[in-house]
Amino acid sequence: MTDQVKPTGLLSIAILGSGNVVGTIISAIALILFSRFMGPTEFGLFSAAFAAMQIVVRLSDMGTNMAAERAIARVYGRDDQLADRLMRVVLYFKLASFVLCLIIGWLLAPWISVTLLHIDNVGLIRTALLLSLGTIFFEYSTIVFQSTERFSMVARITIAQALGKLLFGLIMMWQGMLHATEGLLIYGLLPGFGA
């Protein structure tokens, strides 16, 4: 951010809020279209796998997003080396916790899919576990941008990844190829590309 254009607190809230609202609306439209196109059975598989993906994202976070954003914001601009070190430590922690969740989830995937979710598609659950890395990177990039006062970048990537989900979903629908696995790939990969 240039020195002459520092966002005020209210402007930052407006930028982030509008980006989140627009991104959420676009993502909701994509999900509604996915559910209509896939039908109840296929969308149920997609939803179960998407939920598993979100659980891994939350477990691998363990509260680091909020703590990291505050810690980096406190030192950014005063001690850029420390801010850079904090960003790396947070990234390494997120990757380590993701790997731990992935290993445990991979081993428990047969039990989770059959006993908890009542689906016979262990591969879909394991795919969801792997794809959670895209959302983890997306969330990491948003905390880095927010803590370094690049709020418009957060709004842009939030909207861009939501538009990507919608557009790729529409293309897959048009081609008649949107099923649970393809929907999961769209929702798992695009946040990572946005990051």
C-alpha atoms as a PDB file:
ATOM      1  CA  MET A   1       0.000   0.000   0.000  1.00  0.00           C
ATOM      2  CA  THR A   2       1.420   3.389  -0.875  1.00  0.00           C
ATOM      3  CA  ASP A   3       2.005   5.926   1.874  1.00  0.00           C
ATOM      4  CA  GLN A   4      -0.540   8.382   0.467  1.00  0.00           C
ATOM      5  CA  VAL A   5      -3.430   5.898   0.300  1.00  0.00           C
ATOM      6  CA  LYS A   6      -3.672   4.271   3.720  1.00  0.00           C
ATOM      7  CA  PRO A   7      -7.192   2.952   4.272  1.00  0.00           C
ATOM      8  CA  THR A   8      -9.043   4.140   7.323  1.00  0.00           C
ATOM      9  CA  GLY A   9     -10.673   1.619   9.622  1.00  0.00           C
ATOM     10  CA  LEU A  10     -14.105   2.338   8.181  1.00  0.00           C
ATOM     11  CA  LEU A  11     -12.857   2.106   4.598  1.00  0.00           C
ATOM     12  CA  SER A  12     -11.130  -1.205   5.374  1.00  0.00           C
ATOM     13  CA  ILE A  13     -14.360  -2.595   6.810  1.00  0.00           C
ATOM     14  CA  ALA A  14     -16.295  -1.415   3.753  1.00  0.00           C
ATOM     15  CA  ILE A  15     -13.797  -2.961   1.319  1.00  0.00           C
ATOM     16  CA  LEU A  16     -13.601  -6.305   3.141  1.00  0.00           C
ATOM     17  CA  GLY A  17     -17.327  -6.390   3.801  1.00  0.00           C
ATOM     18  CA  SER A  18     -18.288  -5.691   0.205  1.00  0.00           C
ATOM     19  CA  GLY A  19     -15.794  -8.254  -1.096  1.00  0.00           C
ATOM     20  CA  ASN A  20     -17.083 -10.891   1.308  1.00  0.00           C
ATOM     21  CA  VAL A  21     -20.744 -10.156   0.539  1.00  0.00           C
ATOM     22  CA  VAL A  22     -20.239 -10.249  -3.235  1.00  0.00           C
ATOM     23  CA  GLY A  23     -18.094 -13.398  -2.988  1.00  0.00           C
ATOM     24  CA  THR A  24     -20.647 -15.098  -0.741  1.00  0.00           C
ATOM     25  CA  ILE A  25     -23.548 -14.257  -3.052  1.00  0.00           C
ATOM     26  CA  ILE A  26     -21.683 -15.591  -6.094  1.00  0.00           C
ATOM     27  CA  SER A  27     -20.658 -18.769  -4.226  1.00  0.00           C
ATOM     28  CA  ALA A  28     -24.242 -19.269  -3.045  1.00  0.00           C
ATOM     29  CA  ILE A  29     -25.517 -18.957  -6.612  1.00  0.00           C
ATOM     30  CA  ALA A  30     -22.932 -21.527  -7.701  1.00  0.00           C
ATOM     31  CA  LEU A  31     -24.017 -23.939  -4.942  1.00  0.00           C
ATOM     32  CA  ILE A  32     -27.685 -23.533  -5.840  1.00  0.00           C
ATOM     33  CA  LEU A  33     -26.921 -24.255  -9.489  1.00  0.00           C
ATOM     34  CA  PHE A  34     -24.752 -27.230  -8.483  1.00  0.00           C
ATOM     35  CA  SER A  35     -27.584 -28.676  -6.402  1.00  0.00           C
ATOM     36  CA  ARG A  36     -30.108 -28.236  -9.215  1.00  0.00           C
ATOM     37  CA  PHE A  37     -27.851 -29.776 -11.818  1.00  0.00           C
ATOM     38  CA  MET A  38     -26.454 -32.655  -9.738  1.00  0.00           C
ATOM     39  CA  GLY A  39     -29.699 -33.780  -8.187  1.00  0.00           C
ATOM     40  CA  PRO A  40     -30.175 -34.926  -4.590  1.00  0.00           C
ATOM     41  CA  THR A  41     -27.971 -38.034  -4.563  1.00  0.00           C
ATOM     42  CA  GLU A  42     -24.941 -36.565  -6.313  1.00  0.00           C
ATOM     43  CA  PHE A  43     -25.242 -33.249  -4.463  1.00  0.00           C
ATOM     44  CA  GLY A  44     -25.469 -35.190  -1.188  1.00  0.00           C
ATOM     45  CA  LEU A  45     -22.126 -36.839  -1.988  1.00  0.00           C
ATOM     46  CA  PHE A  46     -20.656 -33.454  -2.893  1.00  0.00           C
ATOM     47  CA  SER A  47     -21.987 -31.895   0.327  1.00  0.00           C
ATOM     48  CA  ALA A  48     -20.597 -34.673   2.525  1.00  0.00           C
ATOM     49  CA  ALA A  49     -17.168 -34.420   0.912  1.00  0.00           C
ATOM     50  CA  PHE A  50     -17.247 -30.606   1.033  1.00  0.00           C
ATOM     51  CA  ALA A  51     -18.083 -30.777   4.753  1.00  0.00           C
ATOM     52  CA  ALA A  52     -15.119 -33.106   5.310  1.00  0.00           C
ATOM     53  CA  MET A  53     -12.925 -30.632   3.444  1.00  0.00           C
ATOM     54  CA  GLN A  54     -14.105 -27.752   5.641  1.00  0.00           C
ATOM     55  CA  ILE A  55     -13.514 -29.772   8.821  1.00  0.00           C
ATOM     56  CA  VAL A  56      -9.881 -30.334   7.801  1.00  0.00           C
ATOM     57  CA  VAL A  57      -9.511 -26.616   7.046  1.00  0.00           C
ATOM     58  CA  ARG A  58     -10.834 -25.658  10.503  1.00  0.00           C
ATOM     59  CA  LEU A  59      -8.797 -28.309  12.333  1.00  0.00           C
ATOM     60  CA  SER A  60      -5.586 -27.296  10.596  1.00  0.00           C
ATOM     61  CA  ASP A  61      -6.239 -23.642  11.484  1.00  0.00           C
ATOM     62  CA  MET A  62      -6.531 -24.118  15.263  1.00  0.00           C
ATOM     63  CA  GLY A  63      -7.006 -20.382  15.756  1.00  0.00           C
ATOM     64  CA  THR A  64      -3.824 -19.356  13.974  1.00  0.00           C
ATOM     65  CA  ASN A  65      -5.580 -17.100  11.451  1.00  0.00           C
ATOM     66  CA  MET A  66      -6.700 -14.540  14.030  1.00  0.00           C
ATOM     67  CA  ALA A  67      -3.523 -14.729  16.097  1.00  0.00           C
ATOM     68  CA  ALA A  68      -1.267 -14.457  13.048  1.00  0.00           C
ATOM     69  CA  GLU A  69      -3.174 -11.552  11.570  1.00  0.00           C
ATOM     70  CA  ARG A  70      -2.891  -9.572  14.805  1.00  0.00           C
ATOM     71  CA  ALA A  71       0.772 -10.442  15.384  1.00  0.00           C
ATOM     72  CA  ILE A  72       1.846  -9.610  11.828  1.00  0.00           C
ATOM     73  CA  ALA A  73      -0.171  -6.371  11.766  1.00  0.00           C
ATOM     74  CA  ARG A  74       1.491  -5.221  15.011  1.00  0.00           C
ATOM     75  CA  VAL A  75       5.017  -5.464  13.601  1.00  0.00           C
ATOM     76  CA  TYR A  76       4.423  -4.811   9.892  1.00  0.00           C
ATOM     77  CA  GLY A  77       6.004  -1.520   8.846  1.00  0.00           C
ATOM     78  CA  ARG A  78       8.133  -1.302  11.999  1.00  0.00           C
ATOM     79  CA  ASP A  79      10.056  -4.581  11.743  1.00  0.00           C
ATOM     80  CA  ASP A  80       9.538  -6.112   8.314  1.00  0.00           C
ATOM     81  CA  GLN A  81      12.003  -8.933   8.989  1.00  0.00           C
ATOM     82  CA  LEU A  82       9.988 -10.041  12.001  1.00  0.00           C
ATOM     83  CA  ALA A  83       6.757  -9.733  10.011  1.00  0.00           C
ATOM     84  CA  ASP A  84       8.266 -11.899   7.265  1.00  0.00           C
ATOM     85  CA  ARG A  85       9.436 -14.450   9.833  1.00  0.00           C
ATOM     86  CA  LEU A  86       5.976 -14.559  11.408  1.00  0.00           C
ATOM     87  CA  MET A  87       4.407 -15.136   7.990  1.00  0.00           C
ATOM     88  CA  ARG A  88       6.766 -18.058   7.355  1.00  0.00           C
ATOM     89  CA  VAL A  89       6.184 -19.581  10.796  1.00  0.00           C
ATOM     90  CA  VAL A  90       2.421 -19.402  10.313  1.00  0.00           C
ATOM     91  CA  LEU A  91       2.720 -20.998   6.877  1.00  0.00           C
ATOM     92  CA  TYR A  92       4.909 -23.830   8.217  1.00  0.00           C
ATOM     93  CA  PHE A  93       2.528 -24.390  11.123  1.00  0.00           C
ATOM     94  CA  LYS A  94      -0.463 -24.518   8.781  1.00  0.00           C
ATOM     95  CA  LEU A  95       1.309 -26.985   6.505  1.00  0.00           C
ATOM     96  CA  ALA A  96       2.376 -29.175   9.439  1.00  0.00           C
ATOM     97  CA  SER A  97      -1.107 -29.205  10.950  1.00  0.00           C
ATOM     98  CA  PHE A  98      -2.575 -29.937   7.491  1.00  0.00           C
ATOM     99  CA  VAL A  99      -0.243 -32.916   7.049  1.00  0.00           C
ATOM    100  CA  LEU A 100      -1.219 -34.220  10.494  1.00  0.00           C
ATOM    101  CA  CYS A 101      -4.945 -33.828   9.693  1.00  0.00           C
ATOM    102  CA  LEU A 102      -4.382 -35.423   6.291  1.00  0.00           C
ATOM    103  CA  ILE A 103      -2.659 -38.487   7.753  1.00  0.00           C
ATOM    104  CA  ILE A 104      -5.288 -38.986  10.441  1.00  0.00           C
ATOM    105  CA  GLY A 105      -8.119 -38.302   7.990  1.00  0.00           C
ATOM    106  CA  TRP A 106      -6.630 -40.636   5.382  1.00  0.00           C
ATOM    107  CA  LEU A 107      -6.480 -43.461   7.903  1.00  0.00           C
ATOM    108  CA  LEU A 108      -9.984 -42.753   9.214  1.00  0.00           C
ATOM    109  CA  ALA A 109     -11.545 -42.121   5.771  1.00  0.00           C
ATOM    110  CA  PRO A 110     -13.081 -45.610   5.418  1.00  0.00           C
ATOM    111  CA  TRP A 111     -14.705 -45.335   8.844  1.00  0.00           C
ATOM    112  CA  ILE A 112     -15.784 -41.711   8.277  1.00  0.00           C
ATOM    113  CA  SER A 113     -17.343 -42.405   4.890  1.00  0.00           C
ATOM    114  CA  VAL A 114     -19.187 -45.593   5.848  1.00  0.00           C
ATOM    115  CA  THR A 115     -20.082 -45.047   9.509  1.00  0.00           C
ATOM    116  CA  LEU A 116     -20.545 -41.287   9.796  1.00  0.00           C
ATOM    117  CA  LEU A 117     -21.512 -40.202   6.284  1.00  0.00           C
ATOM    118  CA  HIS A 118     -23.113 -43.442   5.058  1.00  0.00           C
ATOM    119  CA  ILE A 119     -21.468 -43.296   1.641  1.00  0.00           C
ATOM    120  CA  ASP A 120     -19.415 -45.983  -0.050  1.00  0.00           C
ATOM    121  CA  ASN A 121     -17.011 -43.588  -1.734  1.00  0.00           C
ATOM    122  CA  VAL A 122     -13.829 -43.444   0.337  1.00  0.00           C
ATOM    123  CA  GLY A 123     -11.973 -41.936  -2.621  1.00  0.00           C
ATOM    124  CA  LEU A 124     -14.233 -38.888  -2.589  1.00  0.00           C
ATOM    125  CA  ILE A 125     -13.510 -38.256   1.091  1.00  0.00           C
ATOM    126  CA  ARG A 126      -9.770 -38.668   0.522  1.00  0.00           C
ATOM    127  CA  THR A 127      -9.953 -36.292  -2.431  1.00  0.00           C
ATOM    128  CA  ALA A 128     -11.686 -33.763  -0.170  1.00  0.00           C
ATOM    129  CA  LEU A 129      -8.903 -34.129   2.391  1.00  0.00           C
ATOM    130  CA  LEU A 130      -6.257 -33.373  -0.235  1.00  0.00           C
ATOM    131  CA  LEU A 131      -8.211 -30.483  -1.728  1.00  0.00           C
ATOM    132  CA  SER A 132      -8.556 -28.749   1.628  1.00  0.00           C
ATOM    133  CA  LEU A 133      -5.026 -27.469   1.050  1.00  0.00           C
ATOM    134  CA  GLY A 134      -6.405 -25.003  -1.541  1.00  0.00           C
ATOM    135  CA  THR A 135      -8.681 -23.373   1.023  1.00  0.00           C
ATOM    136  CA  ILE A 136      -5.895 -23.376   3.622  1.00  0.00           C
ATOM    137  CA  PHE A 137      -3.638 -21.446   1.224  1.00  0.00           C
ATOM    138  CA  PHE A 138      -6.489 -19.089   0.351  1.00  0.00           C
ATOM    139  CA  GLU A 139      -7.118 -18.297   4.018  1.00  0.00           C
ATOM    140  CA  TYR A 140      -3.387 -17.893   4.634  1.00  0.00           C
ATOM    141  CA  SER A 141      -3.107 -15.387   1.794  1.00  0.00           C
ATOM    142  CA  THR A 142      -6.071 -13.409   3.129  1.00  0.00           C
ATOM    143  CA  ILE A 143      -4.526 -13.085   6.593  1.00  0.00           C
ATOM    144  CA  VAL A 144      -1.230 -11.956   5.070  1.00  0.00           C
ATOM    145  CA  PHE A 145      -2.988  -9.361   2.897  1.00  0.00           C
ATOM    146  CA  GLN A 146      -5.172  -8.136   5.769  1.00  0.00           C
ATOM    147  CA  SER A 147      -2.308  -7.878   8.225  1.00  0.00           C
ATOM    148  CA  THR A 148      -0.278  -5.897   5.679  1.00  0.00           C
ATOM    149  CA  GLU A 149      -3.233  -3.577   4.985  1.00  0.00           C
ATOM    150  CA  ARG A 150      -3.946  -4.796   1.438  1.00  0.00           C
ATOM    151  CA  PHE A 151      -7.687  -5.027   1.972  1.00  0.00           C
ATOM    152  CA  SER A 152      -8.684  -4.478  -1.643  1.00  0.00           C
ATOM    153  CA  MET A 153      -6.551  -7.490  -2.610  1.00  0.00           C
ATOM    154  CA  VAL A 154      -8.532  -9.654  -0.173  1.00  0.00           C
ATOM    155  CA  ALA A 155     -11.786  -8.417  -1.689  1.00  0.00           C
ATOM    156  CA  ARG A 156     -10.486  -9.076  -5.208  1.00  0.00           C
ATOM    157  CA  ILE A 157      -9.299 -12.630  -4.590  1.00  0.00           C
ATOM    158  CA  THR A 158     -12.480 -13.459  -2.668  1.00  0.00           C
ATOM    159  CA  ILE A 159     -14.625 -12.336  -5.584  1.00  0.00           C
ATOM    160  CA  ALA A 160     -12.284 -13.904  -8.164  1.00  0.00           C
ATOM    161  CA  GLN A 161     -12.361 -17.363  -6.594  1.00  0.00           C
ATOM    162  CA  ALA A 162     -16.159 -17.177  -6.249  1.00  0.00           C
ATOM    163  CA  LEU A 163     -16.507 -16.157  -9.905  1.00  0.00           C
ATOM    164  CA  GLY A 164     -14.182 -18.993 -10.852  1.00  0.00           C
ATOM    165  CA  LYS A 165     -16.381 -21.496  -9.026  1.00  0.00           C
ATOM    166  CA  LEU A 166     -19.460 -20.193 -10.794  1.00  0.00           C
ATOM    167  CA  LEU A 167     -17.877 -20.020 -14.255  1.00  0.00           C
ATOM    168  CA  PHE A 168     -16.189 -23.428 -14.087  1.00  0.00           C
ATOM    169  CA  GLY A 169     -19.392 -24.886 -12.683  1.00  0.00           C
ATOM    170  CA  LEU A 170     -21.398 -23.429 -15.567  1.00  0.00           C
ATOM    171  CA  ILE A 171     -18.903 -24.822 -18.074  1.00  0.00           C
ATOM    172  CA  MET A 172     -19.102 -28.277 -16.478  1.00  0.00           C
ATOM    173  CA  MET A 173     -22.912 -28.092 -16.468  1.00  0.00           C
ATOM    174  CA  TRP A 174     -22.950 -27.030 -20.103  1.00  0.00           C
ATOM    175  CA  GLN A 175     -20.731 -30.020 -20.935  1.00  0.00           C
ATOM    176  CA  GLY A 176     -22.900 -32.334 -18.800  1.00  0.00           C
ATOM    177  CA  MET A 177     -19.888 -33.242 -16.667  1.00  0.00           C
ATOM    178  CA  LEU A 178     -20.719 -31.795 -13.248  1.00  0.00           C
ATOM    179  CA  HIS A 179     -20.826 -34.521 -10.624  1.00  0.00           C
ATOM    180  CA  ALA A 180     -19.718 -34.716  -6.981  1.00  0.00           C
ATOM    181  CA  THR A 181     -16.026 -35.186  -7.798  1.00  0.00           C
ATOM    182  CA  GLU A 182     -15.919 -32.369 -10.349  1.00  0.00           C
ATOM    183  CA  GLY A 183     -17.805 -30.029  -8.017  1.00  0.00           C
ATOM    184  CA  LEU A 184     -15.367 -30.869  -5.250  1.00  0.00           C
ATOM    185  CA  LEU A 185     -12.419 -30.178  -7.550  1.00  0.00           C
ATOM    186  CA  ILE A 186     -13.896 -26.785  -8.421  1.00  0.00           C
ATOM    187  CA  TYR A 187     -14.527 -25.869  -4.778  1.00  0.00           C
ATOM    188  CA  GLY A 188     -11.163 -27.217  -3.630  1.00  0.00           C
ATOM    189  CA  LEU A 189      -8.789 -26.003  -6.323  1.00  0.00           C
ATOM    190  CA  LEU A 190     -10.074 -22.517  -7.132  1.00  0.00           C
ATOM    191  CA  PRO A 191      -9.433 -20.975  -3.698  1.00  0.00           C
ATOM    192  CA  GLY A 192      -5.855 -22.260  -3.936  1.00  0.00           C
ATOM    193  CA  PHE A 193      -5.413 -20.698  -7.365  1.00  0.00           C
ATOM    194  CA  GLY A 194      -6.908 -17.473  -6.020  1.00  0.00           C
ATOM    195  CA  ALA A 195      -4.273 -17.419  -3.312  1.00  0.00           C
END
